[in-house]
N, C-alpha and C. Protein backbone atom coordinates (compact mmCIF):
# COMPACT_ATOMS: atom_id res chain seq x y z
N MET A 1 -27.10 31.50 18.82
CA MET A 1 -25.91 32.13 18.28
C MET A 1 -24.78 31.10 18.27
N ILE A 2 -24.02 31.12 17.22
CA ILE A 2 -22.90 30.19 17.08
C ILE A 2 -21.65 30.82 17.67
N GLY A 3 -21.06 30.16 18.65
CA GLY A 3 -19.84 30.64 19.27
C GLY A 3 -18.68 29.73 18.95
N LYS A 4 -17.52 30.04 19.50
CA LYS A 4 -16.31 29.27 19.23
C LYS A 4 -16.40 27.83 19.75
N LYS A 5 -17.22 27.59 20.73
CA LYS A 5 -17.33 26.25 21.30
C LYS A 5 -18.57 25.50 20.80
N THR A 6 -19.25 26.07 19.82
CA THR A 6 -20.44 25.40 19.28
C THR A 6 -20.01 24.16 18.51
N ARG A 7 -20.71 23.08 18.76
CA ARG A 7 -20.41 21.81 18.09
C ARG A 7 -21.59 21.41 17.22
N ILE A 8 -21.26 20.68 16.15
CA ILE A 8 -22.29 20.13 15.30
C ILE A 8 -22.07 18.62 15.18
N GLN A 9 -23.15 17.93 14.91
CA GLN A 9 -23.08 16.48 14.78
C GLN A 9 -22.75 16.11 13.34
N ILE A 10 -21.74 15.26 13.20
CA ILE A 10 -21.32 14.77 11.88
C ILE A 10 -21.65 13.28 11.82
N ARG A 11 -22.28 12.87 10.75
CA ARG A 11 -22.57 11.45 10.53
C ARG A 11 -21.74 11.01 9.32
N GLU A 12 -20.88 10.04 9.56
CA GLU A 12 -20.02 9.53 8.49
C GLU A 12 -20.29 8.06 8.26
N ILE A 13 -20.18 7.62 7.03
CA ILE A 13 -20.32 6.21 6.72
C ILE A 13 -19.16 5.47 7.36
N CYS A 14 -19.44 4.36 8.02
CA CYS A 14 -18.40 3.58 8.68
C CYS A 14 -17.53 2.91 7.62
N THR A 15 -16.26 3.18 7.66
CA THR A 15 -15.34 2.57 6.69
C THR A 15 -14.80 1.22 7.16
N ASP A 16 -14.95 0.93 8.45
CA ASP A 16 -14.49 -0.37 8.96
C ASP A 16 -15.33 -1.51 8.39
N CYS A 17 -16.63 -1.27 8.24
CA CYS A 17 -17.53 -2.31 7.74
C CYS A 17 -18.12 -1.97 6.38
N ASP A 18 -17.65 -0.89 5.75
CA ASP A 18 -18.20 -0.43 4.47
C ASP A 18 -19.71 -0.23 4.55
N ALA A 19 -20.16 0.30 5.67
CA ALA A 19 -21.57 0.61 5.92
C ALA A 19 -22.47 -0.62 5.86
N LEU A 20 -21.92 -1.79 6.19
CA LEU A 20 -22.73 -3.01 6.25
C LEU A 20 -23.23 -3.28 7.67
N GLY A 21 -22.54 -2.72 8.65
CA GLY A 21 -22.91 -2.94 10.04
C GLY A 21 -22.33 -4.20 10.64
N VAL A 22 -21.68 -5.01 9.81
CA VAL A 22 -21.07 -6.26 10.29
C VAL A 22 -19.67 -6.41 9.71
N VAL A 23 -18.86 -7.18 10.42
CA VAL A 23 -17.51 -7.51 9.96
C VAL A 23 -17.34 -9.03 10.06
N PRO A 24 -16.45 -9.60 9.25
CA PRO A 24 -16.23 -11.05 9.33
C PRO A 24 -15.70 -11.47 10.70
N ASN A 25 -16.19 -12.59 11.18
CA ASN A 25 -15.70 -13.15 12.43
C ASN A 25 -14.29 -13.70 12.18
N PRO A 26 -13.29 -13.32 12.98
CA PRO A 26 -11.92 -13.78 12.76
C PRO A 26 -11.77 -15.30 12.71
N ALA A 27 -12.55 -16.02 13.50
CA ALA A 27 -12.46 -17.48 13.48
C ALA A 27 -12.87 -18.03 12.12
N TRP A 28 -13.88 -17.43 11.54
CA TRP A 28 -14.33 -17.87 10.22
C TRP A 28 -13.34 -17.47 9.14
N VAL A 29 -12.74 -16.31 9.28
CA VAL A 29 -11.74 -15.87 8.29
C VAL A 29 -10.59 -16.87 8.26
N GLU A 30 -10.10 -17.25 9.43
CA GLU A 30 -8.99 -18.20 9.51
C GLU A 30 -9.40 -19.56 8.95
N TRP A 31 -10.57 -20.04 9.32
CA TRP A 31 -11.06 -21.34 8.83
C TRP A 31 -11.19 -21.32 7.31
N SER A 32 -11.75 -20.25 6.77
CA SER A 32 -11.94 -20.13 5.32
C SER A 32 -10.60 -20.09 4.58
N LYS A 33 -9.61 -19.41 5.15
CA LYS A 33 -8.29 -19.35 4.51
C LYS A 33 -7.67 -20.74 4.41
N LYS A 34 -7.78 -21.51 5.50
CA LYS A 34 -7.23 -22.86 5.49
C LYS A 34 -7.94 -23.73 4.44
N ARG A 35 -9.26 -23.65 4.40
CA ARG A 35 -10.03 -24.43 3.44
C ARG A 35 -9.68 -24.03 2.01
N ASP A 36 -9.65 -22.73 1.75
CA ASP A 36 -9.35 -22.23 0.41
C ASP A 36 -7.95 -22.61 -0.05
N THR A 37 -6.99 -22.56 0.87
CA THR A 37 -5.61 -22.95 0.54
C THR A 37 -5.55 -24.41 0.13
N LEU A 38 -6.25 -25.26 0.86
CA LEU A 38 -6.28 -26.68 0.53
C LEU A 38 -6.90 -26.91 -0.86
N LEU A 39 -8.03 -26.26 -1.12
CA LEU A 39 -8.70 -26.43 -2.41
C LEU A 39 -7.85 -25.91 -3.57
N GLU A 40 -7.23 -24.77 -3.38
CA GLU A 40 -6.36 -24.21 -4.43
C GLU A 40 -5.18 -25.14 -4.72
N GLN A 41 -4.61 -25.69 -3.68
CA GLN A 41 -3.49 -26.62 -3.84
C GLN A 41 -3.94 -27.86 -4.61
N GLN A 42 -5.08 -28.40 -4.29
CA GLN A 42 -5.59 -29.58 -4.97
C GLN A 42 -5.89 -29.29 -6.45
N ARG A 43 -6.46 -28.14 -6.71
CA ARG A 43 -6.75 -27.76 -8.11
C ARG A 43 -5.44 -27.58 -8.90
N ALA A 44 -4.47 -26.95 -8.25
CA ALA A 44 -3.18 -26.72 -8.91
C ALA A 44 -2.49 -28.04 -9.24
N GLU A 45 -2.72 -29.05 -8.41
CA GLU A 45 -2.12 -30.36 -8.64
C GLU A 45 -2.93 -31.21 -9.61
N GLY A 46 -4.03 -30.64 -10.12
CA GLY A 46 -4.83 -31.33 -11.13
C GLY A 46 -5.76 -32.41 -10.60
N TRP A 47 -6.16 -32.30 -9.34
CA TRP A 47 -7.07 -33.29 -8.77
C TRP A 47 -8.42 -33.23 -9.48
N SER A 48 -9.10 -34.35 -9.57
CA SER A 48 -10.44 -34.39 -10.16
C SER A 48 -11.44 -33.83 -9.15
N SER A 49 -12.61 -33.43 -9.63
CA SER A 49 -13.64 -32.88 -8.74
C SER A 49 -14.05 -33.90 -7.69
N SER A 50 -14.15 -35.15 -8.07
CA SER A 50 -14.56 -36.16 -7.09
C SER A 50 -13.49 -36.34 -6.00
N GLN A 51 -12.19 -36.28 -6.40
CA GLN A 51 -11.12 -36.37 -5.40
C GLN A 51 -11.17 -35.18 -4.44
N ILE A 52 -11.37 -34.00 -5.03
CA ILE A 52 -11.43 -32.78 -4.21
C ILE A 52 -12.60 -32.86 -3.24
N ASN A 53 -13.77 -33.28 -3.73
CA ASN A 53 -14.95 -33.38 -2.86
C ASN A 53 -14.73 -34.39 -1.74
N TYR A 54 -14.14 -35.52 -2.06
CA TYR A 54 -13.88 -36.55 -1.07
C TYR A 54 -12.94 -36.03 0.02
N GLU A 55 -11.85 -35.40 -0.41
CA GLU A 55 -10.88 -34.86 0.55
C GLU A 55 -11.47 -33.70 1.36
N ALA A 56 -12.32 -32.92 0.69
CA ALA A 56 -12.95 -31.80 1.41
C ALA A 56 -13.86 -32.32 2.51
N ASP A 57 -14.59 -33.38 2.22
CA ASP A 57 -15.45 -33.98 3.25
C ASP A 57 -14.62 -34.50 4.42
N LYS A 58 -13.50 -35.14 4.12
CA LYS A 58 -12.62 -35.63 5.18
C LYS A 58 -12.06 -34.45 5.99
N TRP A 59 -11.64 -33.41 5.27
CA TRP A 59 -11.09 -32.23 5.94
C TRP A 59 -12.12 -31.60 6.86
N LEU A 60 -13.39 -31.55 6.41
CA LEU A 60 -14.46 -30.97 7.23
C LEU A 60 -14.70 -31.77 8.50
N GLU A 61 -14.52 -33.07 8.43
CA GLU A 61 -14.68 -33.89 9.63
C GLU A 61 -13.63 -33.52 10.68
N ASP A 62 -12.42 -33.26 10.21
CA ASP A 62 -11.32 -32.90 11.13
C ASP A 62 -11.31 -31.42 11.49
N ASN A 63 -11.95 -30.61 10.66
CA ASN A 63 -11.96 -29.15 10.84
C ASN A 63 -13.38 -28.61 10.71
N PRO A 64 -14.24 -28.87 11.69
CA PRO A 64 -15.62 -28.42 11.58
C PRO A 64 -15.73 -26.90 11.53
N HIS A 65 -16.86 -26.43 11.02
CA HIS A 65 -17.10 -24.98 10.99
C HIS A 65 -16.96 -24.41 12.39
N PRO A 66 -16.49 -23.17 12.49
CA PRO A 66 -16.45 -22.53 13.81
C PRO A 66 -17.86 -22.47 14.41
N GLU A 67 -17.94 -22.49 15.72
CA GLU A 67 -19.22 -22.48 16.42
C GLU A 67 -19.93 -21.13 16.34
N TRP A 68 -19.20 -20.09 16.05
CA TRP A 68 -19.75 -18.74 16.10
C TRP A 68 -20.33 -18.33 14.75
N ASP A 69 -21.11 -17.24 14.78
CA ASP A 69 -21.66 -16.67 13.55
C ASP A 69 -20.53 -16.25 12.62
N GLU A 70 -20.82 -16.26 11.34
CA GLU A 70 -19.80 -15.85 10.36
C GLU A 70 -19.46 -14.37 10.46
N GLU A 71 -20.41 -13.57 10.93
CA GLU A 71 -20.19 -12.13 11.02
C GLU A 71 -20.49 -11.64 12.44
N ASP A 72 -19.76 -10.61 12.82
CA ASP A 72 -19.98 -9.94 14.11
C ASP A 72 -20.46 -8.53 13.83
N SER A 73 -21.15 -7.97 14.79
CA SER A 73 -21.53 -6.57 14.70
C SER A 73 -20.25 -5.74 14.64
N CYS A 74 -20.22 -4.74 13.80
CA CYS A 74 -19.01 -3.91 13.65
C CYS A 74 -18.72 -3.19 14.97
N PRO A 75 -17.52 -3.36 15.51
CA PRO A 75 -17.20 -2.70 16.78
C PRO A 75 -17.07 -1.18 16.66
N GLU A 76 -16.77 -0.70 15.48
CA GLU A 76 -16.59 0.75 15.31
C GLU A 76 -17.93 1.49 15.32
N CYS A 77 -18.90 1.00 14.54
CA CYS A 77 -20.19 1.70 14.45
C CYS A 77 -21.28 0.99 15.26
N GLU A 78 -20.92 -0.14 15.90
CA GLU A 78 -21.84 -0.93 16.70
C GLU A 78 -23.06 -1.39 15.88
N GLY A 79 -22.83 -1.64 14.60
CA GLY A 79 -23.88 -2.15 13.73
C GLY A 79 -24.79 -1.09 13.13
N THR A 80 -24.55 0.18 13.44
CA THR A 80 -25.44 1.24 12.94
C THR A 80 -25.09 1.70 11.53
N ARG A 81 -23.93 1.30 11.04
CA ARG A 81 -23.42 1.64 9.71
C ARG A 81 -22.88 3.07 9.59
N VAL A 82 -23.04 3.86 10.62
CA VAL A 82 -22.54 5.24 10.59
C VAL A 82 -21.77 5.53 11.87
N ILE A 83 -20.84 6.46 11.75
CA ILE A 83 -20.09 6.96 12.90
C ILE A 83 -20.62 8.36 13.18
N ILE A 84 -21.00 8.60 14.41
CA ILE A 84 -21.49 9.93 14.79
C ILE A 84 -20.44 10.56 15.68
N ARG A 85 -20.06 11.76 15.31
CA ARG A 85 -19.11 12.48 16.15
C ARG A 85 -19.50 13.95 16.21
N TRP A 86 -19.11 14.58 17.27
CA TRP A 86 -19.39 16.01 17.47
C TRP A 86 -18.10 16.78 17.26
N VAL A 87 -18.16 17.81 16.43
CA VAL A 87 -16.97 18.61 16.15
C VAL A 87 -17.31 20.09 16.30
N LEU A 88 -16.28 20.85 16.59
CA LEU A 88 -16.46 22.30 16.64
C LEU A 88 -16.78 22.81 15.24
N VAL A 89 -17.67 23.77 15.15
CA VAL A 89 -18.04 24.33 13.85
C VAL A 89 -16.79 24.81 13.11
N GLU A 90 -15.89 25.46 13.83
CA GLU A 90 -14.66 25.97 13.23
C GLU A 90 -13.84 24.83 12.60
N ASP A 91 -13.72 23.70 13.32
CA ASP A 91 -12.99 22.55 12.79
C ASP A 91 -13.70 21.95 11.57
N PHE A 92 -15.03 21.92 11.63
CA PHE A 92 -15.81 21.41 10.50
C PHE A 92 -15.57 22.26 9.25
N LEU A 93 -15.60 23.56 9.41
CA LEU A 93 -15.38 24.45 8.27
C LEU A 93 -13.96 24.29 7.70
N THR A 94 -12.99 24.12 8.58
CA THR A 94 -11.61 23.88 8.14
C THR A 94 -11.53 22.59 7.33
N GLU A 95 -12.15 21.51 7.83
CA GLU A 95 -12.16 20.24 7.10
C GLU A 95 -12.83 20.39 5.74
N CYS A 96 -13.93 21.14 5.69
CA CYS A 96 -14.64 21.36 4.42
C CYS A 96 -13.74 22.10 3.42
N ARG A 97 -13.07 23.13 3.88
CA ARG A 97 -12.18 23.88 2.98
C ARG A 97 -11.07 22.98 2.45
N LEU A 98 -10.46 22.19 3.33
CA LEU A 98 -9.40 21.28 2.90
C LEU A 98 -9.93 20.25 1.91
N PHE A 99 -11.10 19.69 2.20
CA PHE A 99 -11.69 18.68 1.33
C PHE A 99 -12.00 19.26 -0.04
N PHE A 100 -12.69 20.38 -0.08
CA PHE A 100 -13.09 20.93 -1.37
C PHE A 100 -11.91 21.49 -2.16
N ASN A 101 -10.90 21.99 -1.47
CA ASN A 101 -9.70 22.44 -2.19
C ASN A 101 -8.94 21.25 -2.77
N SER A 102 -8.90 20.12 -2.08
CA SER A 102 -8.19 18.96 -2.60
C SER A 102 -8.99 18.26 -3.67
N GLU A 103 -10.31 18.45 -3.69
CA GLU A 103 -11.15 17.81 -4.70
C GLU A 103 -11.18 18.59 -6.01
N ARG A 104 -10.67 19.78 -5.98
CA ARG A 104 -10.71 20.62 -7.18
C ARG A 104 -9.79 20.02 -8.25
N THR A 105 -10.37 19.59 -9.34
CA THR A 105 -9.59 18.94 -10.39
C THR A 105 -9.57 19.73 -11.69
N HIS A 106 -10.27 20.83 -11.72
CA HIS A 106 -10.30 21.64 -12.94
C HIS A 106 -10.44 23.10 -12.56
N SER A 107 -10.15 23.94 -13.52
CA SER A 107 -10.30 25.37 -13.30
C SER A 107 -11.64 25.78 -13.87
N HIS A 108 -12.45 26.36 -13.02
CA HIS A 108 -13.78 26.77 -13.44
C HIS A 108 -14.14 28.01 -12.63
N PRO A 109 -14.84 28.96 -13.21
CA PRO A 109 -15.17 30.19 -12.48
C PRO A 109 -15.86 29.96 -11.14
N CYS A 110 -16.70 28.94 -11.05
CA CYS A 110 -17.40 28.72 -9.78
C CYS A 110 -16.46 28.20 -8.70
N CYS A 111 -15.31 27.69 -9.09
CA CYS A 111 -14.37 27.12 -8.12
C CYS A 111 -13.28 28.11 -7.70
N GLU A 112 -13.20 29.22 -8.36
CA GLU A 112 -12.13 30.17 -8.08
C GLU A 112 -12.37 30.85 -6.73
N ASP A 113 -11.27 31.08 -6.00
CA ASP A 113 -11.34 31.82 -4.74
C ASP A 113 -11.62 33.27 -5.05
N ASN A 114 -12.41 33.90 -4.18
CA ASN A 114 -12.70 35.33 -4.37
C ASN A 114 -11.71 36.16 -3.63
């Protein structure tokens, strides 16, 4: 029997990692931004490909790749790609009503309240 304290399991796609299970490592994000900024600046100044490659090699010597993996397991879903939460049935039904009422974009007999 379903009572006021009955809970159901909800599985939601993790929005922190877009259901990939991994997120970019912050060290790599920072390193990539610095590298990309340098390359964009050189292109904007009209550098030749050989000049850009030469300078990029020099830059890499001074700024080696981070030691860590490029991606980390998502801390929100712990790499499972989904978030599992338990909610009261009453709260779930309220969320469903709000969701479906806000999604209503047209008038149609099947969507009308009785």
